[in-house]
Protein backbone atom coordinates (compact mmCIF):
# COMPACT_ATOMS: atom_id res chain seq x y z
CA MET A 1 3.13 5.70 -1.07
CA THR A 2 2.05 6.17 2.52
CA SER A 3 4.05 4.45 5.22
CA ILE A 4 3.49 3.69 8.89
CA ASN A 5 5.64 2.01 11.51
CA ILE A 6 4.62 -1.46 12.60
CA THR A 7 3.67 -0.45 16.14
CA LYS A 8 1.20 2.17 14.93
CA ALA A 9 -0.05 -0.20 12.22
CA ARG A 10 -0.76 -2.88 14.83
CA ALA A 11 -2.84 -0.43 16.87
CA LYS A 12 -4.80 0.81 13.83
CA LEU A 13 -4.98 -2.34 11.70
CA ASN A 14 -8.76 -2.30 11.12
CA GLN A 15 -8.64 1.33 10.03
CA ILE A 16 -5.62 0.75 7.78
CA VAL A 17 -7.22 -2.23 6.05
CA SER A 18 -10.41 -0.22 5.48
CA GLU A 19 -8.47 2.71 3.99
CA VAL A 20 -6.36 0.49 1.75
CA ASN A 21 -9.51 -1.07 0.33
CA GLU A 22 -11.48 2.17 0.07
CA PHE A 23 -8.79 4.21 -1.68
CA SER A 24 -6.82 1.44 -3.47
CA GLN A 25 -3.62 2.95 -2.13
CA PRO A 26 -0.98 0.58 -0.76
CA ILE A 27 0.65 1.32 2.58
CA THR A 28 4.23 0.42 3.49
CA ILE A 29 4.55 -1.03 6.97
CA ILE A 30 8.00 -0.26 8.35
CA ASN A 31 9.68 -2.37 11.00
CA ASN A 32 12.86 -1.69 12.94
CA ARG A 33 14.78 -4.51 11.24
CA GLY A 34 14.73 -2.99 7.79
CA LYS A 35 12.38 -5.64 6.39
CA ASN A 36 9.31 -3.70 5.36
CA ALA A 37 6.05 -4.97 3.92
CA VAL A 38 3.38 -3.49 1.69
CA LEU A 39 -0.32 -3.85 2.47
CA ILE A 40 -2.66 -3.80 -0.52
CA GLY A 41 -6.34 -4.58 -0.89
CA GLU A 42 -7.45 -8.02 -2.03
CA GLU A 43 -9.07 -6.71 -5.21
CA ASP A 44 -5.87 -4.87 -6.14
CA TRP A 45 -3.85 -8.03 -5.46
CA LYS A 46 -6.15 -10.06 -7.71
CA ALA A 47 -5.79 -7.46 -10.47
CA ILE A 48 -2.00 -7.57 -10.18
CA GLN A 49 -2.02 -11.37 -10.32
CA GLU A 50 -4.26 -11.34 -13.41
CA THR A 51 -2.02 -8.81 -15.14
CA LEU A 52 1.09 -10.84 -14.36
CA TYR A 53 -0.57 -13.99 -15.67
CA LEU A 54 -1.73 -12.34 -18.89
CA ASN A 55 1.71 -10.80 -19.44
CA SER A 56 3.28 -14.24 -19.03
CA ILE A 57 1.42 -15.56 -22.08
CA PRO A 58 3.73 -15.25 -25.11
CA GLY A 59 2.46 -12.59 -27.51
CA MET A 60 -0.38 -11.41 -25.26
CA SER A 61 1.03 -7.92 -24.65
CA GLN A 62 1.67 -7.36 -28.36
CA SER A 63 -1.82 -8.63 -29.18
CA ASN A 64 -3.41 -6.23 -26.68
CA LEU A 65 -1.44 -3.28 -28.05
CA ALA A 66 -2.36 -4.16 -31.64
CA SER A 67 -6.01 -4.44 -30.65
CA LYS A 68 -5.98 -0.99 -29.03
CA GLU A 69 -4.32 0.54 -32.08
CA LYS A 70 -6.99 -1.02 -34.31
CA GLU A 71 -9.79 0.35 -32.10
CA ILE A 72 -8.34 3.85 -32.38
CA SER A 73 -7.92 3.65 -36.15
CA ASP A 74 -11.48 2.27 -36.59
CA GLN A 75 -13.12 5.24 -34.88
CA PRO A 76 -14.77 7.74 -37.21
CA SER A 77 -13.11 11.08 -37.74
CA PHE A 78 -15.26 14.15 -37.06
CA GLN A 79 -13.12 16.66 -38.90
């Protein structure tokens, strides 16, 4: 993950936000107090939130895995 100190981030904030959104790569912003932050794009944040929500539903992860396994086994074999 790319990192930048807070002073440089402040000076280049528009550029950093554009890059984070364009490349979907988070950037760690480092301060001199040891309390860093991570900047991510809004769409990536929404995707993370949706994944966390879906994983919080009991049985959802197992259901998704079972569904994927069924899709694979249902595909025709070309041997």
